[in-house]
């Protein structure tokens, strides 16, 4: 749907008639994704407590990488939503 912002602006505006509906729809998927990330991080944390995964280097590397993603990913998502919102406000 973000591609329509730049390609077919009229369709994009019909989908979100108000700024509030645009922000609500965008923040809904971000919230759902963040909840899923929390569930995965919790599972990884439990995995780190087991003897089989505690000393596994590849699991530790994956846990570290996903933890960094869990911190940076939602921030990038918020930035992109705000950027799309600013473009939407300036063009409309």
Protein backbone atom coordinates (compact mmCIF):
# COMPACT_ATOMS: atom_id res chain seq x y z
CA UNK A 1 0.00 0.00 0.00
CA UNK A 2 2.92 2.36 0.53
CA UNK A 3 3.78 2.17 -3.18
CA UNK A 4 0.40 3.74 -4.00
CA UNK A 5 1.51 6.86 -2.14
CA UNK A 6 3.98 7.54 -4.92
CA UNK A 7 2.32 5.83 -7.89
CA UNK A 8 -1.45 6.31 -7.62
CA UNK A 9 -2.05 9.07 -5.12
CA UNK A 10 -5.83 9.21 -5.65
CA UNK A 11 -6.36 5.58 -4.73
CA UNK A 12 -4.15 6.02 -1.72
CA UNK A 13 -6.26 8.91 -0.41
CA UNK A 14 -9.51 6.96 -0.92
CA UNK A 15 -8.16 4.18 1.25
CA UNK A 16 -7.38 6.57 4.15
CA UNK A 17 -9.78 9.53 4.02
CA UNK A 18 -8.36 11.09 7.20
CA UNK A 19 -4.90 11.40 8.67
CA UNK A 20 -6.07 9.61 11.82
CA UNK A 21 -7.19 6.55 9.83
CA UNK A 22 -3.83 6.46 8.04
CA UNK A 23 -1.88 6.59 11.30
CA UNK A 24 -4.19 4.05 12.97
CA UNK A 25 -3.78 1.52 10.17
CA UNK A 26 -0.01 1.95 10.02
CA UNK A 27 0.49 1.80 13.78
CA UNK A 28 -1.75 -1.28 14.03
CA UNK A 29 0.57 -3.44 11.97
CA UNK A 30 3.59 -2.02 13.80
CA UNK A 31 2.05 -2.90 17.17
CA UNK A 32 1.19 -6.41 16.01
CA UNK A 33 4.71 -6.94 14.71
CA UNK A 34 6.18 -5.66 17.96
CA UNK A 35 4.06 -8.13 19.95
CA UNK A 36 5.34 -10.96 17.75
CA UNK A 37 8.93 -9.80 18.28
CA UNK A 38 8.35 -9.84 22.05
CA UNK A 39 7.08 -13.42 21.85
CA UNK A 40 10.14 -14.52 19.86
CA UNK A 41 12.51 -12.75 22.25
CA UNK A 42 10.82 -14.45 25.20
CA UNK A 43 11.22 -17.83 23.54
CA UNK A 44 14.88 -17.10 22.83
CA UNK A 45 15.42 -16.05 26.43
CA UNK A 46 13.95 -19.36 27.59
CA UNK A 47 16.17 -21.15 25.10
CA UNK A 48 19.23 -19.50 26.62
CA UNK A 49 18.31 -21.07 29.96
CA UNK A 50 18.53 -24.61 28.59
CA UNK A 51 21.83 -26.50 28.69
CA UNK A 52 21.56 -27.46 25.00
CA UNK A 53 21.39 -23.87 23.75
CA UNK A 54 23.33 -22.04 26.45
CA UNK A 55 26.69 -22.88 24.89
CA UNK A 56 25.59 -22.97 21.24
CA UNK A 57 27.48 -20.21 19.44
CA UNK A 58 25.11 -19.99 16.48
CA UNK A 59 22.07 -19.66 18.77
CA UNK A 60 23.86 -16.95 20.77
CA UNK A 61 24.69 -15.09 17.54
CA UNK A 62 21.09 -15.39 16.34
CA UNK A 63 19.81 -14.18 19.73
CA UNK A 64 22.17 -11.23 19.65
CA UNK A 65 21.23 -10.29 16.08
CA UNK A 66 17.50 -10.60 16.73
CA UNK A 67 17.82 -8.55 19.92
CA UNK A 68 19.47 -5.73 17.99
CA UNK A 69 16.76 -6.01 15.33
CA UNK A 70 14.07 -5.89 18.04
CA UNK A 71 15.48 -2.57 19.23
CA UNK A 72 16.15 -0.96 15.85
CA UNK A 73 13.31 -2.48 13.77
CA UNK A 74 10.36 -0.72 15.45
CA UNK A 75 12.28 2.57 15.47
CA UNK A 76 12.83 2.28 11.72
CA UNK A 77 9.15 1.39 11.31
CA UNK A 78 8.05 4.48 13.25
CA UNK A 79 10.43 6.64 11.21
CA UNK A 80 9.05 5.29 7.92
CA UNK A 81 5.45 5.79 9.07
CA UNK A 82 6.21 9.37 10.10
CA UNK A 83 8.02 9.98 6.82
CA UNK A 84 5.03 8.68 4.85
CA UNK A 85 2.74 10.84 7.01
CA UNK A 86 4.80 13.96 6.33
CA UNK A 87 4.80 13.23 2.59
CA UNK A 88 1.04 12.65 2.74
CA UNK A 89 0.47 15.95 4.55
CA UNK A 90 2.73 17.90 2.19
CA UNK A 91 1.23 16.43 -0.98
CA UNK A 92 -2.39 16.65 0.07
